[in-house]
């Protein structure tokens, strides 16, 4: 049984590395998008009230439902 679990270790590490890379790439893309477009974006419903509060009178605040059913929001300044 140990031989079987040792053989799976490289596969498990590869899968975990792929997930981590994807999350890092998503975060980097979000930071770049916010910087280029002067937009504050959140993909977490718990952060949307803060985004809305920071948006101010001159910002354009929007919310939308993502594919997984969670709420996301943005303020376009």
PDB file of N, CA and C in Angstrom:
ATOM      1  N   UNK A   1       0.818  -1.202   0.000  1.00  0.00           N
ATOM      2  CA  UNK A   1       0.000   0.000   0.000  1.00  0.00           C
ATOM      3  C   UNK A   1       0.858   1.261   0.000  1.00  0.00           C
ATOM      4  N   UNK A   2       2.010   1.230   0.673  1.00  0.00           N
ATOM      5  CA  UNK A   2       2.875   2.407   0.703  1.00  0.00           C
ATOM      6  C   UNK A   2       3.377   2.765  -0.690  1.00  0.00           C
ATOM      7  N   UNK A   3       3.686   1.756  -1.495  1.00  0.00           N
ATOM      8  CA  UNK A   3       4.164   2.010  -2.847  1.00  0.00           C
ATOM      9  C   UNK A   3       3.102   2.763  -3.645  1.00  0.00           C
ATOM     10  N   UNK A   4       1.845   2.376  -3.486  1.00  0.00           N
ATOM     11  CA  UNK A   4       0.751   3.042  -4.186  1.00  0.00           C
ATOM     12  C   UNK A   4       0.651   4.508  -3.775  1.00  0.00           C
ATOM     13  N   UNK A   5       0.722   4.802  -2.481  1.00  0.00           N
ATOM     14  CA  UNK A   5       0.599   6.177  -2.013  1.00  0.00           C
ATOM     15  C   UNK A   5       1.814   7.010  -2.411  1.00  0.00           C
ATOM     16  N   UNK A   6       2.993   6.407  -2.472  1.00  0.00           N
ATOM     17  CA  UNK A   6       4.180   7.136  -2.908  1.00  0.00           C
ATOM     18  C   UNK A   6       4.085   7.481  -4.393  1.00  0.00           C
ATOM     19  N   UNK A   7       3.477   6.620  -5.167  1.00  0.00           N
ATOM     20  CA  UNK A   7       3.305   6.894  -6.588  1.00  0.00           C
ATOM     21  C   UNK A   7       2.312   8.036  -6.823  1.00  0.00           C
ATOM     22  N   UNK A   8       1.373   8.195  -5.918  1.00  0.00           N
ATOM     23  CA  UNK A   8       0.392   9.268  -6.070  1.00  0.00           C
ATOM     24  C   UNK A   8       0.917  10.627  -5.622  1.00  0.00           C
ATOM     25  N   UNK A   9       1.974  10.654  -4.847  1.00  0.00           N
ATOM     26  CA  UNK A   9       2.504  11.904  -4.329  1.00  0.00           C
ATOM     27  C   UNK A   9       2.848  12.909  -5.431  1.00  0.00           C
ATOM     28  N   UNK A  10       3.593  12.530  -6.470  1.00  0.00           N
ATOM     29  CA  UNK A  10       3.881  13.499  -7.535  1.00  0.00           C
ATOM     30  C   UNK A  10       2.611  14.008  -8.233  1.00  0.00           C
ATOM     31  N   UNK A  11       1.652  13.139  -8.405  1.00  0.00           N
ATOM     32  CA  UNK A  11       0.391  13.548  -9.038  1.00  0.00           C
ATOM     33  C   UNK A  11      -0.335  14.557  -8.166  1.00  0.00           C
ATOM     34  N   UNK A  12      -0.403  14.273  -6.861  1.00  0.00           N
ATOM     35  CA  UNK A  12      -1.079  15.183  -5.938  1.00  0.00           C
ATOM     36  C   UNK A  12      -0.371  16.531  -5.890  1.00  0.00           C
ATOM     37  N   UNK A  13       0.942  16.539  -5.869  1.00  0.00           N
ATOM     38  CA  UNK A  13       1.696  17.784  -5.862  1.00  0.00           C
ATOM     39  C   UNK A  13       1.452  18.580  -7.141  1.00  0.00           C
ATOM     40  N   UNK A  14       1.402  17.884  -8.267  1.00  0.00           N
ATOM     41  CA  UNK A  14       1.139  18.549  -9.540  1.00  0.00           C
ATOM     42  C   UNK A  14      -0.239  19.200  -9.545  1.00  0.00           C
ATOM     43  N   UNK A  15      -1.242  18.501  -9.056  1.00  0.00           N
ATOM     44  CA  UNK A  15      -2.602  19.030  -9.007  1.00  0.00           C
ATOM     45  C   UNK A  15      -2.664  20.240  -8.082  1.00  0.00           C
ATOM     46  N   UNK A  16      -2.070  20.130  -6.908  1.00  0.00           N
ATOM     47  CA  UNK A  16      -2.080  21.253  -5.973  1.00  0.00           C
ATOM     48  C   UNK A  16      -1.326  22.454  -6.521  1.00  0.00           C
ATOM     49  N   UNK A  17      -0.244  22.218  -7.209  1.00  0.00           N
ATOM     50  CA  UNK A  17       0.521  23.313  -7.793  1.00  0.00           C
ATOM     51  C   UNK A  17      -0.307  24.023  -8.862  1.00  0.00           C
ATOM     52  N   UNK A  18      -1.052  23.276  -9.630  1.00  0.00           N
ATOM     53  CA  UNK A  18      -1.908  23.871 -10.657  1.00  0.00           C
ATOM     54  C   UNK A  18      -2.972  24.755 -10.059  1.00  0.00           C
ATOM     55  N   UNK A  19      -3.572  24.335  -8.957  1.00  0.00           N
ATOM     56  CA  UNK A  19      -4.590  25.141  -8.291  1.00  0.00           C
ATOM     57  C   UNK A  19      -4.000  26.430  -7.758  1.00  0.00           C
ATOM     58  N   UNK A  20      -2.853  26.323  -7.150  1.00  0.00           N
ATOM     59  CA  UNK A  20      -2.215  27.496  -6.585  1.00  0.00           C
ATOM     60  C   UNK A  20      -1.842  28.483  -7.683  1.00  0.00           C
ATOM     61  N   UNK A  21      -1.294  27.998  -8.772  1.00  0.00           N
ATOM     62  CA  UNK A  21      -0.910  28.873  -9.875  1.00  0.00           C
ATOM     63  C   UNK A  21      -2.118  29.595 -10.445  1.00  0.00           C
ATOM     64  N   UNK A  22      -3.230  28.892 -10.560  1.00  0.00           N
ATOM     65  CA  UNK A  22      -4.445  29.497 -11.085  1.00  0.00           C
ATOM     66  C   UNK A  22      -4.935  30.616 -10.180  1.00  0.00           C
ATOM     67  N   UNK A  23      -4.901  30.381  -8.869  1.00  0.00           N
ATOM     68  CA  UNK A  23      -5.344  31.405  -7.930  1.00  0.00           C
ATOM     69  C   UNK A  23      -4.424  32.616  -7.972  1.00  0.00           C
ATOM     70  N   UNK A  24      -3.137  32.394  -8.088  1.00  0.00           N
ATOM     71  CA  UNK A  24      -2.178  33.498  -8.175  1.00  0.00           C
ATOM     72  C   UNK A  24      -2.397  34.276  -9.459  1.00  0.00           C
ATOM     73  N   UNK A  25      -2.616  33.572 -10.557  1.00  0.00           N
ATOM     74  CA  UNK A  25      -2.868  34.250 -11.837  1.00  0.00           C
ATOM     75  C   UNK A  25      -4.154  35.067 -11.781  1.00  0.00           C
ATOM     76  N   UNK A  26      -5.196  34.538 -11.154  1.00  0.00           N
ATOM     77  CA  UNK A  26      -6.455  35.278 -11.028  1.00  0.00           C
ATOM     78  C   UNK A  26      -6.266  36.543 -10.210  1.00  0.00           C
ATOM     79  N   UNK A  27      -5.528  36.434  -9.113  1.00  0.00           N
ATOM     80  CA  UNK A  27      -5.288  37.602  -8.257  1.00  0.00           C
ATOM     81  C   UNK A  27      -4.466  38.648  -8.997  1.00  0.00           C
ATOM     82  N   UNK A  28      -3.446  38.223  -9.724  1.00  0.00           N
ATOM     83  CA  UNK A  28      -2.617  39.161 -10.488  1.00  0.00           C
ATOM     84  C   UNK A  28      -3.438  39.844 -11.581  1.00  0.00           C
ATOM     85  N   UNK A  29      -4.299  39.096 -12.237  1.00  0.00           N
ATOM     86  CA  UNK A  29      -5.147  39.676 -13.278  1.00  0.00           C
ATOM     87  C   UNK A  29      -6.111  40.699 -12.690  1.00  0.00           C
ATOM     88  N   UNK A  30      -6.658  40.409 -11.510  1.00  0.00           N
ATOM     89  CA  UNK A  30      -7.583  41.346 -10.869  1.00  0.00           C
ATOM     90  C   UNK A  30      -6.869  42.641 -10.492  1.00  0.00           C
ATOM     91  N   UNK A  31      -5.688  42.539  -9.930  1.00  0.00           N
ATOM     92  CA  UNK A  31      -4.920  43.735  -9.555  1.00  0.00           C
ATOM     93  C   UNK A  31      -4.604  44.575 -10.781  1.00  0.00           C
ATOM     94  N   UNK A  32      -4.187  43.932 -11.855  1.00  0.00           N
ATOM     95  CA  UNK A  32      -3.864  44.654 -13.082  1.00  0.00           C
ATOM     96  C   UNK A  32      -5.102  45.332 -13.659  1.00  0.00           C
ATOM     97  N   UNK A  33      -6.222  44.620 -13.678  1.00  0.00           N
ATOM     98  CA  UNK A  33      -7.460  45.178 -14.211  1.00  0.00           C
ATOM     99  C   UNK A  33      -7.905  46.391 -13.405  1.00  0.00           C
ATOM    100  N   UNK A  34      -7.833  46.283 -12.084  1.00  0.00           N
ATOM    101  CA  UNK A  34      -8.222  47.409 -11.232  1.00  0.00           C
ATOM    102  C   UNK A  34      -7.331  48.618 -11.472  1.00  0.00           C
ATOM    103  N   UNK A  35      -6.035  48.392 -11.634  1.00  0.00           N
ATOM    104  CA  UNK A  35      -5.102  49.492 -11.835  1.00  0.00           C
ATOM    105  C   UNK A  35      -5.313  50.174 -13.182  1.00  0.00           C
ATOM    106  N   UNK A  36      -5.542  49.398 -14.214  1.00  0.00           N
ATOM    107  CA  UNK A  36      -5.693  49.953 -15.565  1.00  0.00           C
ATOM    108  C   UNK A  36      -7.017  50.698 -15.723  1.00  0.00           C
ATOM    109  N   UNK A  37      -8.086  50.151 -15.173  1.00  0.00           N
ATOM    110  CA  UNK A  37      -9.421  50.709 -15.403  1.00  0.00           C
ATOM    111  C   UNK A  37      -9.911  51.620 -14.287  1.00  0.00           C
ATOM    112  N   UNK A  38      -9.111  51.800 -13.233  1.00  0.00           N
ATOM    113  CA  UNK A  38      -9.527  52.603 -12.077  1.00  0.00           C
ATOM    114  C   UNK A  38     -10.851  52.081 -11.525  1.00  0.00           C
ATOM    115  N   UNK A  39     -10.916  50.766 -11.369  1.00  0.00           N
ATOM    116  CA  UNK A  39     -12.112  50.087 -10.893  1.00  0.00           C
ATOM    117  C   UNK A  39     -11.770  49.281  -9.647  1.00  0.00           C
ATOM    118  N   UNK A  40     -12.657  49.326  -8.649  1.00  0.00           N
ATOM    119  CA  UNK A  40     -12.519  48.505  -7.454  1.00  0.00           C
ATOM    120  C   UNK A  40     -13.449  47.316  -7.625  1.00  0.00           C
ATOM    121  N   UNK A  41     -12.896  46.104  -7.673  1.00  0.00           N
ATOM    122  CA  UNK A  41     -13.679  44.899  -7.942  1.00  0.00           C
ATOM    123  C   UNK A  41     -13.580  43.961  -6.748  1.00  0.00           C
ATOM    124  N   UNK A  42     -14.701  43.342  -6.386  1.00  0.00           N
ATOM    125  CA  UNK A  42     -14.703  42.304  -5.360  1.00  0.00           C
ATOM    126  C   UNK A  42     -15.548  41.136  -5.839  1.00  0.00           C
ATOM    127  N   UNK A  43     -15.017  39.942  -5.648  1.00  0.00           N
ATOM    128  CA  UNK A  43     -15.753  38.736  -5.988  1.00  0.00           C
ATOM    129  C   UNK A  43     -16.299  38.068  -4.733  1.00  0.00           C
ATOM    130  N   UNK A  44     -16.368  38.833  -3.647  1.00  0.00           N
ATOM    131  CA  UNK A  44     -16.865  38.347  -2.369  1.00  0.00           C
ATOM    132  C   UNK A  44     -18.000  39.245  -1.901  1.00  0.00           C
ATOM    133  N   UNK A  45     -19.171  38.669  -1.680  1.00  0.00           N
ATOM    134  CA  UNK A  45     -20.347  39.438  -1.264  1.00  0.00           C
ATOM    135  C   UNK A  45     -20.107  40.166   0.054  1.00  0.00           C
ATOM    136  N   UNK A  46     -19.259  39.623   0.911  1.00  0.00           N
ATOM    137  CA  UNK A  46     -18.998  40.266   2.194  1.00  0.00           C
ATOM    138  C   UNK A  46     -18.212  41.566   2.044  1.00  0.00           C
ATOM    139  N   UNK A  47     -17.483  41.725   0.951  1.00  0.00           N
ATOM    140  CA  UNK A  47     -16.709  42.943   0.727  1.00  0.00           C
ATOM    141  C   UNK A  47     -17.470  43.993  -0.080  1.00  0.00           C
ATOM    142  N   UNK A  48     -18.610  43.610  -0.664  1.00  0.00           N
ATOM    143  CA  UNK A  48     -19.360  44.542  -1.509  1.00  0.00           C
ATOM    144  C   UNK A  48     -19.860  45.779  -0.764  1.00  0.00           C
ATOM    145  N   UNK A  49     -20.322  45.683   0.489  1.00  0.00           N
ATOM    146  CA  UNK A  49     -20.723  46.913   1.174  1.00  0.00           C
ATOM    147  C   UNK A  49     -19.577  47.930   1.293  1.00  0.00           C
ATOM    148  N   UNK A  50     -18.368  47.442   1.509  1.00  0.00           N
ATOM    149  CA  UNK A  50     -17.212  48.343   1.589  1.00  0.00           C
ATOM    150  C   UNK A  50     -16.915  48.965   0.228  1.00  0.00           C
ATOM    151  N   UNK A  51     -16.988  48.172  -0.831  1.00  0.00           N
ATOM    152  CA  UNK A  51     -16.773  48.696  -2.183  1.00  0.00           C
ATOM    153  C   UNK A  51     -17.813  49.768  -2.480  1.00  0.00           C
ATOM    154  N   UNK A  52     -19.083  49.500  -2.130  1.00  0.00           N
ATOM    155  CA  UNK A  52     -20.155  50.454  -2.366  1.00  0.00           C
ATOM    156  C   UNK A  52     -19.930  51.735  -1.559  1.00  0.00           C
ATOM    157  N   UNK A  53     -19.521  51.583  -0.315  1.00  0.00           N
ATOM    158  CA  UNK A  53     -19.272  52.732   0.547  1.00  0.00           C
ATOM    159  C   UNK A  53     -18.125  53.591   0.014  1.00  0.00           C
ATOM    160  N   UNK A  54     -17.083  52.960  -0.481  1.00  0.00           N
ATOM    161  CA  UNK A  54     -15.928  53.675  -1.021  1.00  0.00           C
ATOM    162  C   UNK A  54     -16.190  54.266  -2.405  1.00  0.00           C
ATOM    163  N   UNK A  55     -17.249  53.833  -3.043  1.00  0.00           N
ATOM    164  CA  UNK A  55     -17.539  54.256  -4.411  1.00  0.00           C
ATOM    165  C   UNK A  55     -17.867  55.741  -4.488  1.00  0.00           C
ATOM    166  N   UNK A  56     -18.599  56.243  -3.515  1.00  0.00           N
ATOM    167  CA  UNK A  56     -18.920  57.661  -3.500  1.00  0.00           C
ATOM    168  C   UNK A  56     -20.001  58.037  -4.494  1.00  0.00           C
ATOM    169  N   UNK A  57     -20.317  59.313  -4.519  1.00  0.00           N
ATOM    170  CA  UNK A  57     -21.400  59.828  -5.362  1.00  0.00           C
ATOM    171  C   UNK A  57     -21.050  59.823  -6.845  1.00  0.00           C
ATOM    172  N   UNK A  58     -19.774  59.934  -7.180  1.00  0.00           N
ATOM    173  CA  UNK A  58     -19.374  60.026  -8.585  1.00  0.00           C
ATOM    174  C   UNK A  58     -19.049  58.677  -9.216  1.00  0.00           C
ATOM    175  N   UNK A  59     -19.024  57.629  -8.392  1.00  0.00           N
ATOM    176  CA  UNK A  59     -18.708  56.306  -8.922  1.00  0.00           C
ATOM    177  C   UNK A  59     -19.953  55.590  -9.417  1.00  0.00           C
ATOM    178  N   UNK A  60     -19.734  54.597 -10.252  1.00  0.00           N
ATOM    179  CA  UNK A  60     -20.818  53.780 -10.787  1.00  0.00           C
ATOM    180  C   UNK A  60     -20.712  52.394 -10.160  1.00  0.00           C
ATOM    181  N   UNK A  61     -21.522  52.134  -9.117  1.00  0.00           N
ATOM    182  CA  UNK A  61     -21.486  50.870  -8.391  1.00  0.00           C
ATOM    183  C   UNK A  61     -22.423  49.868  -9.049  1.00  0.00           C
ATOM    184  N   UNK A  62     -21.916  48.649  -9.281  1.00  0.00           N
ATOM    185  CA  UNK A  62     -22.735  47.582  -9.865  1.00  0.00           C
ATOM    186  C   UNK A  62     -22.499  46.275  -9.112  1.00  0.00           C
ATOM    187  N   UNK A  63     -23.537  45.457  -9.035  1.00  0.00           N
ATOM    188  CA  UNK A  63     -23.456  44.109  -8.476  1.00  0.00           C
ATOM    189  C   UNK A  63     -23.964  43.128  -9.521  1.00  0.00           C
ATOM    190  N   UNK A  64     -23.441  41.918  -9.484  1.00  0.00           N
ATOM    191  CA  UNK A  64     -23.921  40.877 -10.381  1.00  0.00           C
ATOM    192  C   UNK A  64     -23.766  39.521  -9.707  1.00  0.00           C
ATOM    193  N   UNK A  65     -24.495  38.550 -10.224  1.00  0.00           N
ATOM    194  CA  UNK A  65     -24.416  37.182  -9.715  1.00  0.00           C
ATOM    195  C   UNK A  65     -23.473  36.392 -10.609  1.00  0.00           C
ATOM    196  N   UNK A  66     -22.507  35.731  -9.984  1.00  0.00           N
ATOM    197  CA  UNK A  66     -21.542  34.936 -10.716  1.00  0.00           C
ATOM    198  C   UNK A  66     -22.139  33.570 -11.062  1.00  0.00           C
ATOM    199  N   UNK A  67     -21.438  32.818 -11.892  1.00  0.00           N
ATOM    200  CA  UNK A  67     -21.920  31.502 -12.322  1.00  0.00           C
ATOM    201  C   UNK A  67     -22.177  30.561 -11.154  1.00  0.00           C
ATOM    202  N   UNK A  68     -21.393  30.698 -10.084  1.00  0.00           N
ATOM    203  CA  UNK A  68     -21.569  29.807  -8.938  1.00  0.00           C
ATOM    204  C   UNK A  68     -22.648  30.291  -7.972  1.00  0.00           C
ATOM    205  N   UNK A  69     -23.334  31.387  -8.312  1.00  0.00           N
ATOM    206  CA  UNK A  69     -24.430  31.897  -7.496  1.00  0.00           C
ATOM    207  C   UNK A  69     -24.013  32.952  -6.500  1.00  0.00           C
ATOM    208  N   UNK A  70     -22.718  33.182  -6.325  1.00  0.00           N
ATOM    209  CA  UNK A  70     -22.254  34.187  -5.370  1.00  0.00           C
ATOM    210  C   UNK A  70     -22.318  35.591  -5.999  1.00  0.00           C
ATOM    211  N   UNK A  71     -22.334  36.581  -5.131  1.00  0.00           N
ATOM    212  CA  UNK A  71     -22.445  37.977  -5.577  1.00  0.00           C
ATOM    213  C   UNK A  71     -21.059  38.580  -5.726  1.00  0.00           C
ATOM    214  N   UNK A  72     -20.877  39.360  -6.771  1.00  0.00           N
ATOM    215  CA  UNK A  72     -19.651  40.125  -7.002  1.00  0.00           C
ATOM    216  C   UNK A  72     -20.072  41.576  -7.240  1.00  0.00           C
ATOM    217  N   UNK A  73     -19.123  42.490  -7.129  1.00  0.00           N
ATOM    218  CA  UNK A  73     -19.463  43.894  -7.305  1.00  0.00           C
ATOM    219  C   UNK A  73     -18.246  44.671  -7.797  1.00  0.00           C
ATOM    220  N   UNK A  74     -18.528  45.885  -8.263  1.00  0.00           N
ATOM    221  CA  UNK A  74     -17.448  46.751  -8.733  1.00  0.00           C
ATOM    222  C   UNK A  74     -17.892  48.207  -8.653  1.00  0.00           C
ATOM    223  N   UNK A  75     -16.919  49.074  -8.520  1.00  0.00           N
ATOM    224  CA  UNK A  75     -17.146  50.509  -8.585  1.00  0.00           C
ATOM    225  C   UNK A  75     -16.261  51.065  -9.673  1.00  0.00           C
ATOM    226  N   UNK A  76     -16.868  51.611 -10.697  1.00  0.00           N
ATOM    227  CA  UNK A  76     -16.141  52.235 -11.790  1.00  0.00           C
ATOM    228  C   UNK A  76     -16.031  53.728 -11.491  1.00  0.00           C
ATOM    229  N   UNK A  77     -14.819  54.192 -11.240  1.00  0.00           N
ATOM    230  CA  UNK A  77     -14.617  55.603 -10.921  1.00  0.00           C
ATOM    231  C   UNK A  77     -14.386  56.437 -12.160  1.00  0.00           C
TER     232      UNK A  77
END
